[in-house]
Amino acid sequence: MKALLFAIALGVSPLASAGPDVTPQAKALMRAGAASQPQARALFAQAAGQGSGPAAYYLGLMLKNGMGGPQDSAAALRSLELAAQRGVAPAMFIVANLLQDSDEEKARYWLDAACDLGYPEALQQKSVALAEGQMGYAHNEEQGHLYLMMATHAMGHRPPEP
């Protein structure tokens, strides 16, 4: 029962079959040019519906940038939030930035989550936010410097893209 509730909370149909991972094929189509991007978008949507965090991330990027179809900011945010919920650090970082002006608390939540995963850009952004007292973080230059050092280190140990 818990697994069913968890799947529903993540927006995944518990009846969806896992199937093969089409993310590499869809990424190639996305990068091949405008003519193949609608097909990439459809593959990402299918895989995201089957539980793939990376597919939800790339679908969100395509929706945000109008690749393979019309631009849809609201759908992009939903897809990127789904990817963030599924542990995709770059999605967490983008969601934090998209929400920064409308929901500072939620933006901080996602920025902190991306920092917890060692995502370099998130660490760097949090270092600035702490040093300048932005995004609802208390002004703390010492902690800001610590995050900057962590970001510098993380840049040299970047994980592969999702």
Protein backbone atom coordinates (compact mmCIF):
# COMPACT_ATOMS: atom_id res chain seq x y z
CA MET A 1 0.00 0.00 0.00
CA LYS A 2 2.87 2.39 0.84
CA ALA A 3 4.44 1.76 -2.57
CA LEU A 4 1.15 2.58 -4.30
CA LEU A 5 0.74 5.81 -2.33
CA PHE A 6 4.36 6.76 -3.02
CA ALA A 7 3.90 6.14 -6.75
CA ILE A 8 0.75 8.23 -6.81
CA ALA A 9 2.49 11.03 -4.88
CA LEU A 10 5.22 11.08 -7.51
CA GLY A 11 2.69 11.17 -10.30
CA VAL A 12 3.59 7.73 -11.57
CA SER A 13 0.98 5.27 -12.60
CA PRO A 14 1.54 2.08 -10.61
CA LEU A 15 0.32 0.19 -13.69
CA ALA A 16 2.91 1.74 -16.01
CA SER A 17 5.46 -0.72 -17.24
CA ALA A 18 9.06 0.22 -16.64
CA GLY A 19 10.20 -0.66 -20.15
CA PRO A 20 13.64 0.09 -21.51
CA ASP A 21 15.32 3.39 -20.64
CA VAL A 22 14.74 5.62 -23.66
CA THR A 23 16.49 8.62 -22.11
CA PRO A 24 19.77 8.18 -24.06
CA GLN A 25 17.87 7.83 -27.36
CA ALA A 26 15.66 10.83 -26.54
CA LYS A 27 18.70 12.95 -25.58
CA ALA A 28 20.29 12.16 -28.95
CA LEU A 29 17.09 13.15 -30.75
CA MET A 30 16.79 16.34 -28.69
CA ARG A 31 20.32 17.37 -29.64
CA ALA A 32 20.01 16.34 -33.30
CA GLY A 33 17.95 19.40 -34.19
CA ALA A 34 14.47 20.83 -34.45
CA ALA A 35 13.14 18.13 -36.79
CA SER A 36 13.65 15.33 -34.25
CA GLN A 37 12.77 17.28 -31.10
CA PRO A 38 9.01 16.48 -31.12
CA GLN A 39 9.90 12.78 -31.06
CA ALA A 40 12.38 13.39 -28.22
CA ARG A 41 9.75 15.30 -26.27
CA ALA A 42 7.27 12.43 -26.67
CA LEU A 43 9.86 9.86 -25.54
CA PHE A 44 10.77 11.96 -22.50
CA ALA A 45 7.08 12.36 -21.61
CA GLN A 46 6.55 8.59 -21.86
CA ALA A 47 9.61 7.78 -19.73
CA ALA A 48 8.76 10.49 -17.17
CA GLY A 49 5.30 8.95 -16.84
CA GLN A 50 6.97 5.63 -16.11
CA GLY A 51 9.02 7.09 -13.25
CA SER A 52 12.23 8.36 -14.85
CA GLY A 53 13.62 11.41 -13.06
CA PRO A 54 16.12 12.24 -15.82
CA ALA A 55 13.35 12.04 -18.45
CA ALA A 56 11.19 14.42 -16.40
CA TYR A 57 14.19 16.77 -16.19
CA TYR A 58 14.79 16.82 -19.94
CA LEU A 59 11.08 17.11 -20.67
CA GLY A 60 10.97 20.11 -18.34
CA LEU A 61 13.88 21.72 -20.17
CA MET A 62 12.20 21.14 -23.53
CA LEU A 63 8.91 22.61 -22.28
CA LYS A 64 10.70 25.58 -20.70
CA ASN A 65 12.61 26.37 -23.89
CA GLY A 66 9.92 25.54 -26.43
CA MET A 67 11.90 22.68 -27.95
CA GLY A 68 9.86 20.15 -29.93
CA GLY A 69 6.61 22.01 -29.36
CA PRO A 70 5.20 25.12 -27.76
CA GLN A 71 6.83 26.68 -24.73
CA ASP A 72 4.83 25.97 -21.58
CA SER A 73 6.28 27.47 -18.41
CA ALA A 74 3.69 25.94 -16.06
CA ALA A 75 4.14 22.43 -17.48
CA ALA A 76 7.91 22.92 -17.43
CA LEU A 77 7.85 23.76 -13.73
CA ARG A 78 5.65 20.72 -12.99
CA SER A 79 7.98 18.42 -14.89
CA LEU A 80 11.10 19.91 -13.30
CA GLU A 81 9.54 19.62 -9.83
CA LEU A 82 8.79 15.97 -10.56
CA ALA A 83 12.41 15.44 -11.56
CA ALA A 84 13.54 17.25 -8.40
CA GLN A 85 11.30 15.00 -6.28
CA ARG A 86 12.98 12.05 -7.98
CA GLY A 87 16.43 13.25 -6.89
CA VAL A 88 17.73 15.02 -10.02
CA ALA A 89 20.06 17.74 -8.66
CA PRO A 90 20.09 20.01 -11.75
CA ALA A 91 16.27 20.00 -11.65
CA MET A 92 16.35 21.00 -7.99
CA PHE A 93 18.61 23.92 -8.85
CA ILE A 94 16.41 25.10 -11.74
CA VAL A 95 13.24 24.78 -9.66
CA ALA A 96 14.87 26.85 -6.90
CA ASN A 97 15.60 29.59 -9.41
CA LEU A 98 12.15 29.44 -11.01
CA LEU A 99 10.49 29.79 -7.60
CA GLN A 100 12.85 32.40 -6.17
CA ASP A 101 10.48 35.33 -6.76
CA SER A 102 7.18 33.55 -6.09
CA ASP A 103 7.90 31.12 -3.22
CA GLU A 104 11.15 31.91 -1.42
CA GLU A 105 10.68 29.17 1.17
CA LYS A 106 10.21 26.46 -1.45
CA ALA A 107 13.08 27.91 -3.49
CA ARG A 108 15.37 27.61 -0.43
CA TYR A 109 14.16 24.04 0.12
CA TRP A 110 15.18 23.00 -3.40
CA LEU A 111 18.45 24.95 -3.31
CA ASP A 112 19.35 23.27 -0.02
CA ALA A 113 18.41 19.86 -1.46
CA ALA A 114 20.68 20.44 -4.47
CA CYS A 115 23.46 21.56 -2.10
CA ASP A 116 23.01 18.39 -0.06
CA LEU A 117 23.73 16.45 -3.27
CA GLY A 118 26.87 18.54 -3.88
CA TYR A 119 25.56 20.24 -7.03
CA PRO A 120 28.24 22.87 -7.77
CA GLU A 121 25.99 25.64 -9.09
CA ALA A 122 23.68 25.32 -6.09
CA LEU A 123 26.61 25.51 -3.67
CA GLN A 124 27.86 28.60 -5.46
CA GLN A 125 24.44 30.27 -5.45
CA LYS A 126 23.96 29.52 -1.75
CA SER A 127 27.39 30.98 -0.99
CA VAL A 128 26.31 34.28 -2.58
CA ALA A 129 22.89 34.17 -0.88
CA LEU A 130 24.51 33.66 2.52
CA ALA A 131 27.20 36.30 1.98
CA GLU A 132 24.60 38.85 0.90
CA GLY A 133 21.65 37.74 3.06
CA GLN A 134 19.42 36.89 0.08
CA MET A 135 16.62 34.34 -0.48
CA GLY A 136 15.68 34.50 3.19
CA TYR A 137 19.06 33.23 4.39
CA ALA A 138 20.59 35.16 7.29
CA HIS A 139 23.63 37.23 6.31
CA ASN A 140 26.65 35.08 7.17
CA GLU A 141 29.87 35.78 5.29
CA GLU A 142 31.80 33.01 7.04
CA GLN A 143 29.26 30.37 6.05
CA GLY A 144 29.08 31.93 2.56
CA HIS A 145 32.82 31.47 2.21
CA LEU A 146 32.53 27.84 3.32
CA TYR A 147 29.89 27.20 0.62
CA LEU A 148 32.11 28.89 -1.95
CA MET A 149 34.97 26.54 -1.03
CA MET A 150 32.60 23.57 -1.30
CA ALA A 151 31.43 24.81 -4.71
CA THR A 152 35.00 25.17 -5.94
CA HIS A 153 35.76 21.61 -4.85
CA ALA A 154 32.54 20.26 -6.38
CA MET A 155 33.36 21.86 -9.75
CA GLY A 156 36.32 19.51 -10.01
CA HIS A 157 34.20 16.46 -9.19
CA ARG A 158 31.14 17.06 -11.32
CA PRO A 159 28.84 14.06 -11.66
CA PRO A 160 27.72 13.01 -15.14
CA GLU A 161 24.58 14.66 -16.49
CA PRO A 162 21.33 12.86 -15.75
